Amino acid sequence: MGTLTSDRQLWRRKFERNLQDYGLRTALRKGFAYVFKVFYEHAAYRLYKINLRNELTESPTEVESVEFRFIDEHDENAVAQIEDNSEWLSGTLKQRLASGAICLAAFEGGQLAGFNLVSFGNIFMPLAKLSRTFRKDEAWSEQIATVKTFRKKGLASQLRYRVFEELRRRGIRKFYGGALADNIASLKLARRVGFHELVEIRYTRVLRLQRWQYVRVQNESA
């Protein structure tokens, strides 16, 4: 009963967030996909990469009234706000940070405006149902997100540029990330800050039968 109640609460939170962010039609589509994922799942997931050693990126600039800082597992308030913003991280962010992940967060008056979570080593791509082990000079962008009121104000780009600087400082050469193929805003952001798309992973599951298809993509302009 506890698990069922928890799943219902998670579905409701996801639906409310999608309704606020994308409107009723998208919220319903995502909601039905979540409900029926026991039987069927399908996702088209695009991977992208930037070579931080060879490619120049813009220098960070300030965003009015916004404070940027890297948080750690002891920052209880920041962890709680990020997990509330991104339900899939619920109950896991503190452990991720303690295990070596880094998270740059942006705040306005103490309230979360956005964040970029980055992992190293062994990672799992939940939307594509794939695992990968990255080398010591590689990193993976788990998620970048901005609160709705801060979108289209350049905040996400500034999160990226600051993370690029930190990764270069750590000796990271290649930085990878990904987004659903229909997440146009996320892919445009990636292109704008310097990422190049590599491949589209099309994952399908019907009951226990799983299938992955890899399709090369042509990079589009931002």
C-alpha atoms as a PDB file:
ATOM      1  CA  MET A   1       0.000   0.000   0.000  1.00  0.00           C
ATOM      2  CA  GLY A   2       2.859   2.362   0.864  1.00  0.00           C
ATOM      3  CA  THR A   3       4.515   1.908  -2.523  1.00  0.00           C
ATOM      4  CA  LEU A   4       1.212   2.431  -4.364  1.00  0.00           C
ATOM      5  CA  THR A   5       0.548   5.634  -2.433  1.00  0.00           C
ATOM      6  CA  SER A   6       4.070   6.853  -3.144  1.00  0.00           C
ATOM      7  CA  ASP A   7       3.659   6.143  -6.880  1.00  0.00           C
ATOM      8  CA  ARG A   8       0.375   8.046  -6.950  1.00  0.00           C
ATOM      9  CA  GLN A   9       1.946  11.013  -5.210  1.00  0.00           C
ATOM     10  CA  LEU A  10       4.850  10.973  -7.662  1.00  0.00           C
ATOM     11  CA  TRP A  11       2.468  10.787 -10.637  1.00  0.00           C
ATOM     12  CA  ARG A  12       0.466  13.727  -9.275  1.00  0.00           C
ATOM     13  CA  ARG A  13       3.588  15.831  -8.748  1.00  0.00           C
ATOM     14  CA  LYS A  14       4.825  15.036 -12.248  1.00  0.00           C
ATOM     15  CA  PHE A  15       1.444  15.844 -13.770  1.00  0.00           C
ATOM     16  CA  GLU A  16       1.162  19.161 -11.926  1.00  0.00           C
ATOM     17  CA  ARG A  17       4.682  20.176 -12.946  1.00  0.00           C
ATOM     18  CA  ASN A  18       4.151  19.212 -16.597  1.00  0.00           C
ATOM     19  CA  LEU A  19       0.818  21.048 -16.596  1.00  0.00           C
ATOM     20  CA  GLN A  20       2.512  24.179 -15.287  1.00  0.00           C
ATOM     21  CA  ASP A  21       5.497  23.936 -17.604  1.00  0.00           C
ATOM     22  CA  TYR A  22       4.041  22.582 -20.848  1.00  0.00           C
ATOM     23  CA  GLY A  23       0.234  22.828 -20.764  1.00  0.00           C
ATOM     24  CA  LEU A  24      -2.621  20.316 -20.578  1.00  0.00           C
ATOM     25  CA  ARG A  25      -1.948  18.388 -23.792  1.00  0.00           C
ATOM     26  CA  THR A  26       1.680  17.551 -22.962  1.00  0.00           C
ATOM     27  CA  ALA A  27       0.838  16.900 -19.306  1.00  0.00           C
ATOM     28  CA  LEU A  28      -1.809  14.353 -20.317  1.00  0.00           C
ATOM     29  CA  ARG A  29       0.505  12.659 -22.815  1.00  0.00           C
ATOM     30  CA  LYS A  30       3.306  12.355 -20.270  1.00  0.00           C
ATOM     31  CA  GLY A  31       0.851  11.293 -17.597  1.00  0.00           C
ATOM     32  CA  PHE A  32      -0.610   8.434 -19.647  1.00  0.00           C
ATOM     33  CA  ALA A  33       2.899   7.312 -20.630  1.00  0.00           C
ATOM     34  CA  TYR A  34       3.838   7.140 -16.949  1.00  0.00           C
ATOM     35  CA  VAL A  35       0.706   5.154 -16.045  1.00  0.00           C
ATOM     36  CA  PHE A  36       1.140   2.581 -18.812  1.00  0.00           C
ATOM     37  CA  LYS A  37       4.924   2.213 -18.548  1.00  0.00           C
ATOM     38  CA  VAL A  38       4.390  -1.147 -16.808  1.00  0.00           C
ATOM     39  CA  PHE A  39       3.383  -2.514 -20.225  1.00  0.00           C
ATOM     40  CA  TYR A  40       5.011  -0.215 -22.773  1.00  0.00           C
ATOM     41  CA  GLU A  41       7.777   2.369 -22.934  1.00  0.00           C
ATOM     42  CA  HIS A  42       9.252   4.300 -25.839  1.00  0.00           C
ATOM     43  CA  ALA A  43      11.780   7.121 -25.888  1.00  0.00           C
ATOM     44  CA  ALA A  44      13.942   8.823 -28.503  1.00  0.00           C
ATOM     45  CA  TYR A  45      16.969  10.166 -26.629  1.00  0.00           C
ATOM     46  CA  ARG A  46      19.682  12.319 -28.185  1.00  0.00           C
ATOM     47  CA  LEU A  47      23.241  12.294 -26.894  1.00  0.00           C
ATOM     48  CA  TYR A  48      25.529  15.299 -27.309  1.00  0.00           C
ATOM     49  CA  LYS A  49      29.158  16.141 -26.477  1.00  0.00           C
ATOM     50  CA  ILE A  50      31.539  19.065 -26.174  1.00  0.00           C
ATOM     51  CA  ASN A  51      35.333  18.878 -26.205  1.00  0.00           C
ATOM     52  CA  LEU A  52      36.316  21.321 -23.476  1.00  0.00           C
ATOM     53  CA  ARG A  53      40.000  21.173 -24.368  1.00  0.00           C
ATOM     54  CA  ASN A  54      39.635  22.095 -28.031  1.00  0.00           C
ATOM     55  CA  GLU A  55      36.481  24.203 -28.175  1.00  0.00           C
ATOM     56  CA  LEU A  56      36.173  27.746 -26.885  1.00  0.00           C
ATOM     57  CA  THR A  57      33.069  28.678 -24.922  1.00  0.00           C
ATOM     58  CA  GLU A  58      31.785  31.989 -23.654  1.00  0.00           C
ATOM     59  CA  SER A  59      32.950  33.359 -20.327  1.00  0.00           C
ATOM     60  CA  PRO A  60      30.305  33.465 -17.578  1.00  0.00           C
ATOM     61  CA  THR A  61      28.524  36.734 -16.900  1.00  0.00           C
ATOM     62  CA  GLU A  62      26.432  37.773 -13.942  1.00  0.00           C
ATOM     63  CA  VAL A  63      22.651  37.392 -13.840  1.00  0.00           C
ATOM     64  CA  GLU A  64      20.920  40.136 -11.885  1.00  0.00           C
ATOM     65  CA  SER A  65      19.944  39.124  -8.326  1.00  0.00           C
ATOM     66  CA  VAL A  66      21.116  35.517  -8.882  1.00  0.00           C
ATOM     67  CA  GLU A  67      23.803  33.802  -6.797  1.00  0.00           C
ATOM     68  CA  PHE A  68      25.680  30.803  -8.239  1.00  0.00           C
ATOM     69  CA  ARG A  69      27.386  28.264  -6.000  1.00  0.00           C
ATOM     70  CA  PHE A  70      28.459  24.633  -5.971  1.00  0.00           C
ATOM     71  CA  ILE A  71      26.592  22.814  -3.245  1.00  0.00           C
ATOM     72  CA  ASP A  72      27.545  19.716  -1.250  1.00  0.00           C
ATOM     73  CA  GLU A  73      25.662  17.012   0.625  1.00  0.00           C
ATOM     74  CA  HIS A  74      25.547  19.133   3.787  1.00  0.00           C
ATOM     75  CA  ASP A  75      23.500  21.906   2.152  1.00  0.00           C
ATOM     76  CA  GLU A  76      20.155  20.525   3.319  1.00  0.00           C
ATOM     77  CA  ASN A  77      18.028  23.399   2.042  1.00  0.00           C
ATOM     78  CA  ALA A  78      19.510  23.351  -1.456  1.00  0.00           C
ATOM     79  CA  VAL A  79      19.262  19.557  -1.678  1.00  0.00           C
ATOM     80  CA  ALA A  80      15.602  19.664  -0.653  1.00  0.00           C
ATOM     81  CA  GLN A  81      14.758  22.347  -3.212  1.00  0.00           C
ATOM     82  CA  ILE A  82      16.506  20.498  -6.054  1.00  0.00           C
ATOM     83  CA  GLU A  83      14.832  17.187  -5.197  1.00  0.00           C
ATOM     84  CA  ASP A  84      11.469  18.957  -5.082  1.00  0.00           C
ATOM     85  CA  ASN A  85      12.171  20.463  -8.509  1.00  0.00           C
ATOM     86  CA  SER A  86      13.227  17.157 -10.083  1.00  0.00           C
ATOM     87  CA  GLU A  87      11.291  14.249  -8.599  1.00  0.00           C
ATOM     88  CA  TRP A  88      13.512  11.555 -10.097  1.00  0.00           C
ATOM     89  CA  LEU A  89      16.343  12.744  -7.822  1.00  0.00           C
ATOM     90  CA  SER A  90      14.193  12.454  -4.702  1.00  0.00           C
ATOM     91  CA  GLY A  91      16.116  10.851  -1.855  1.00  0.00           C
ATOM     92  CA  THR A  92      19.293  10.358  -3.917  1.00  0.00           C
ATOM     93  CA  LEU A  93      20.971  13.735  -4.383  1.00  0.00           C
ATOM     94  CA  LYS A  94      22.809  13.768  -1.054  1.00  0.00           C
ATOM     95  CA  GLN A  95      24.366  10.372  -1.787  1.00  0.00           C
ATOM     96  CA  ARG A  96      25.291  11.420  -5.331  1.00  0.00           C
ATOM     97  CA  LEU A  97      27.131  14.472  -4.006  1.00  0.00           C
ATOM     98  CA  ALA A  98      28.857  12.463  -1.278  1.00  0.00           C
ATOM     99  CA  SER A  99      30.017   9.992  -3.954  1.00  0.00           C
ATOM    100  CA  GLY A 100      31.718  12.680  -6.050  1.00  0.00           C
ATOM    101  CA  ALA A 101      29.060  14.288  -8.234  1.00  0.00           C
ATOM    102  CA  ILE A 102      29.092  18.080  -8.461  1.00  0.00           C
ATOM    103  CA  CYS A 103      26.090  20.365  -8.600  1.00  0.00           C
ATOM    104  CA  LEU A 104      26.089  24.034  -9.520  1.00  0.00           C
ATOM    105  CA  ALA A 105      22.936  25.736  -8.275  1.00  0.00           C
ATOM    106  CA  ALA A 106      21.551  29.226  -8.825  1.00  0.00           C
ATOM    107  CA  PHE A 107      19.476  31.027  -6.204  1.00  0.00           C
ATOM    108  CA  GLU A 108      17.510  34.234  -5.951  1.00  0.00           C
ATOM    109  CA  GLY A 109      16.899  35.303  -2.387  1.00  0.00           C
ATOM    110  CA  GLY A 110      17.572  31.774  -1.172  1.00  0.00           C
ATOM    111  CA  GLN A 111      15.064  30.211  -3.590  1.00  0.00           C
ATOM    112  CA  LEU A 112      16.222  27.813  -6.277  1.00  0.00           C
ATOM    113  CA  ALA A 113      16.378  29.299  -9.772  1.00  0.00           C
ATOM    114  CA  GLY A 114      18.178  26.436 -11.538  1.00  0.00           C
ATOM    115  CA  PHE A 115      20.895  23.795 -11.288  1.00  0.00           C
ATOM    116  CA  ASN A 116      23.244  21.548 -13.280  1.00  0.00           C
ATOM    117  CA  LEU A 117      24.129  18.155 -11.792  1.00  0.00           C
ATOM    118  CA  VAL A 118      27.252  16.439 -13.162  1.00  0.00           C
ATOM    119  CA  SER A 119      28.484  12.887 -12.519  1.00  0.00           C
ATOM    120  CA  PHE A 120      31.691  10.976 -13.175  1.00  0.00           C
ATOM    121  CA  GLY A 121      32.626   7.324 -13.653  1.00  0.00           C
ATOM    122  CA  ASN A 122      29.711   4.894 -13.738  1.00  0.00           C
ATOM    123  CA  ILE A 123      26.453   6.488 -14.852  1.00  0.00           C
ATOM    124  CA  PHE A 124      22.952   5.357 -15.801  1.00  0.00           C
ATOM    125  CA  MET A 125      20.770   7.049 -18.431  1.00  0.00           C
ATOM    126  CA  PRO A 126      17.228   6.365 -17.157  1.00  0.00           C
ATOM    127  CA  LEU A 127      15.413   7.594 -20.265  1.00  0.00           C
ATOM    128  CA  ALA A 128      17.454   5.304 -22.528  1.00  0.00           C
ATOM    129  CA  LYS A 129      17.863   2.496 -19.963  1.00  0.00           C
ATOM    130  CA  LEU A 130      21.609   2.340 -20.581  1.00  0.00           C
ATOM    131  CA  SER A 131      24.696   2.320 -18.371  1.00  0.00           C
ATOM    132  CA  ARG A 132      28.140   3.590 -19.248  1.00  0.00           C
ATOM    133  CA  THR A 133      31.504   4.005 -17.545  1.00  0.00           C
ATOM    134  CA  PHE A 134      33.255   7.266 -18.369  1.00  0.00           C
ATOM    135  CA  ARG A 135      37.014   7.753 -18.330  1.00  0.00           C
ATOM    136  CA  LYS A 136      38.780  10.003 -15.835  1.00  0.00           C
ATOM    137  CA  ASP A 137      38.825  12.917 -18.281  1.00  0.00           C
ATOM    138  CA  GLU A 138      35.107  12.624 -19.109  1.00  0.00           C
ATOM    139  CA  ALA A 139      31.940  13.766 -17.342  1.00  0.00           C
ATOM    140  CA  TRP A 140      28.182  13.325 -17.731  1.00  0.00           C
ATOM    141  CA  SER A 141      25.484  15.953 -17.286  1.00  0.00           C
ATOM    142  CA  GLU A 142      22.788  14.210 -15.245  1.00  0.00           C
ATOM    143  CA  GLN A 143      20.391  17.119 -15.474  1.00  0.00           C
ATOM    144  CA  ILE A 144      20.167  20.828 -16.092  1.00  0.00           C
ATOM    145  CA  ALA A 145      16.951  22.572 -15.065  1.00  0.00           C
ATOM    146  CA  THR A 146      15.664  26.077 -14.488  1.00  0.00           C
ATOM    147  CA  VAL A 147      12.596  27.232 -12.621  1.00  0.00           C
ATOM    148  CA  LYS A 148       9.917  28.398 -15.038  1.00  0.00           C
ATOM    149  CA  THR A 149      10.163  32.085 -14.035  1.00  0.00           C
ATOM    150  CA  PHE A 150      13.864  32.084 -14.983  1.00  0.00           C
ATOM    151  CA  ARG A 151      13.556  30.546 -18.422  1.00  0.00           C
ATOM    152  CA  LYS A 152      14.494  32.528 -21.523  1.00  0.00           C
ATOM    153  CA  LYS A 153      16.662  34.815 -19.391  1.00  0.00           C
ATOM    154  CA  GLY A 154      20.025  33.204 -20.109  1.00  0.00           C
ATOM    155  CA  LEU A 155      20.259  31.421 -16.746  1.00  0.00           C
ATOM    156  CA  ALA A 156      20.686  27.938 -18.194  1.00  0.00           C
ATOM    157  CA  SER A 157      23.537  29.126 -20.435  1.00  0.00           C
ATOM    158  CA  GLN A 158      25.269  30.705 -17.451  1.00  0.00           C
ATOM    159  CA  LEU A 159      24.978  27.461 -15.513  1.00  0.00           C
ATOM    160  CA  ARG A 160      26.631  25.655 -18.417  1.00  0.00           C
ATOM    161  CA  TYR A 161      29.461  28.157 -18.829  1.00  0.00           C
ATOM    162  CA  ARG A 162      30.311  27.992 -15.127  1.00  0.00           C
ATOM    163  CA  VAL A 163      30.247  24.211 -15.154  1.00  0.00           C
ATOM    164  CA  PHE A 164      32.512  24.200 -18.219  1.00  0.00           C
ATOM    165  CA  GLU A 165      35.077  26.282 -16.295  1.00  0.00           C
ATOM    166  CA  GLU A 166      34.957  23.971 -13.278  1.00  0.00           C
ATOM    167  CA  LEU A 167      35.325  20.850 -15.417  1.00  0.00           C
ATOM    168  CA  ARG A 168      38.308  22.337 -17.253  1.00  0.00           C
ATOM    169  CA  ARG A 169      39.861  23.102 -13.873  1.00  0.00           C
ATOM    170  CA  ARG A 170      39.415  19.441 -12.957  1.00  0.00           C
ATOM    171  CA  GLY A 171      41.084  18.274 -16.166  1.00  0.00           C
ATOM    172  CA  ILE A 172      37.900  17.088 -17.861  1.00  0.00           C
ATOM    173  CA  ARG A 173      38.257  16.979 -21.647  1.00  0.00           C
ATOM    174  CA  LYS A 174      34.926  15.581 -22.875  1.00  0.00           C
ATOM    175  CA  PHE A 175      31.540  16.505 -21.423  1.00  0.00           C
ATOM    176  CA  TYR A 176      28.449  14.537 -22.451  1.00  0.00           C
ATOM    177  CA  GLY A 177      24.727  15.017 -21.983  1.00  0.00           C
ATOM    178  CA  GLY A 178      21.402  14.134 -23.490  1.00  0.00           C
ATOM    179  CA  ALA A 179      17.752  15.068 -23.903  1.00  0.00           C
ATOM    180  CA  LEU A 180      14.607  13.608 -25.355  1.00  0.00           C
ATOM    181  CA  ALA A 181      14.361  14.303 -29.081  1.00  0.00           C
ATOM    182  CA  ASP A 182      11.114  16.227 -28.586  1.00  0.00           C
ATOM    183  CA  ASN A 183      12.635  18.462 -25.901  1.00  0.00           C
ATOM    184  CA  ILE A 184      13.403  21.197 -28.417  1.00  0.00           C
ATOM    185  CA  ALA A 185      14.275  23.845 -25.822  1.00  0.00           C
ATOM    186  CA  SER A 186      16.879  21.624 -24.163  1.00  0.00           C
ATOM    187  CA  LEU A 187      18.494  20.668 -27.470  1.00  0.00           C
ATOM    188  CA  LYS A 188      18.597  24.292 -28.619  1.00  0.00           C
ATOM    189  CA  LEU A 189      20.338  25.245 -25.382  1.00  0.00           C
ATOM    190  CA  ALA A 190      22.905  22.479 -25.865  1.00  0.00           C
ATOM    191  CA  ARG A 191      23.707  23.648 -29.402  1.00  0.00           C
ATOM    192  CA  ARG A 192      23.857  27.280 -28.331  1.00  0.00           C
ATOM    193  CA  VAL A 193      26.514  26.713 -25.659  1.00  0.00           C
ATOM    194  CA  GLY A 194      28.677  24.480 -27.876  1.00  0.00           C
ATOM    195  CA  PHE A 195      27.517  20.856 -27.655  1.00  0.00           C
ATOM    196  CA  HIS A 196      27.361  18.709 -30.789  1.00  0.00           C
ATOM    197  CA  GLU A 197      24.764  15.958 -31.174  1.00  0.00           C
ATOM    198  CA  LEU A 198      26.126  12.463 -31.718  1.00  0.00           C
ATOM    199  CA  VAL A 199      23.350   9.895 -31.928  1.00  0.00           C
ATOM    200  CA  GLU A 200      19.664   9.335 -31.255  1.00  0.00           C
ATOM    201  CA  ILE A 201      18.952   6.292 -29.115  1.00  0.00           C
ATOM    202  CA  ARG A 202      15.466   4.895 -29.705  1.00  0.00           C
ATOM    203  CA  TYR A 203      14.437   2.678 -26.824  1.00  0.00           C
ATOM    204  CA  THR A 204      11.289   0.531 -26.905  1.00  0.00           C
ATOM    205  CA  ARG A 205       9.977  -1.957 -24.359  1.00  0.00           C
ATOM    206  CA  VAL A 206       6.856  -4.091 -24.683  1.00  0.00           C
ATOM    207  CA  LEU A 207       6.379  -6.045 -21.456  1.00  0.00           C
ATOM    208  CA  ARG A 208       9.849  -7.616 -20.973  1.00  0.00           C
ATOM    209  CA  LEU A 209      11.030  -7.314 -24.561  1.00  0.00           C
ATOM    210  CA  GLN A 210      13.503  -4.449 -24.964  1.00  0.00           C
ATOM    211  CA  ARG A 211      15.005  -2.981 -28.128  1.00  0.00           C
ATOM    212  CA  TRP A 212      17.558  -0.242 -28.771  1.00  0.00           C
ATOM    213  CA  GLN A 213      18.119   1.434 -32.131  1.00  0.00           C
ATOM    214  CA  TYR A 214      20.973   3.885 -32.753  1.00  0.00           C
ATOM    215  CA  VAL A 215      20.565   6.538 -35.439  1.00  0.00           C
ATOM    216  CA  ARG A 216      23.218   9.117 -36.334  1.00  0.00           C
ATOM    217  CA  VAL A 217      21.897  12.677 -36.328  1.00  0.00           C
ATOM    218  CA  GLN A 218      22.897  15.753 -38.244  1.00  0.00           C
ATOM    219  CA  ASN A 219      23.659  18.747 -36.087  1.00  0.00           C
ATOM    220  CA  GLU A 220      21.315  21.665 -36.468  1.00  0.00           C
ATOM    221  CA  SER A 221      22.014  25.307 -35.742  1.00  0.00           C
ATOM    222  CA  ALA A 222      20.846  26.820 -32.464  1.00  0.00           C
END
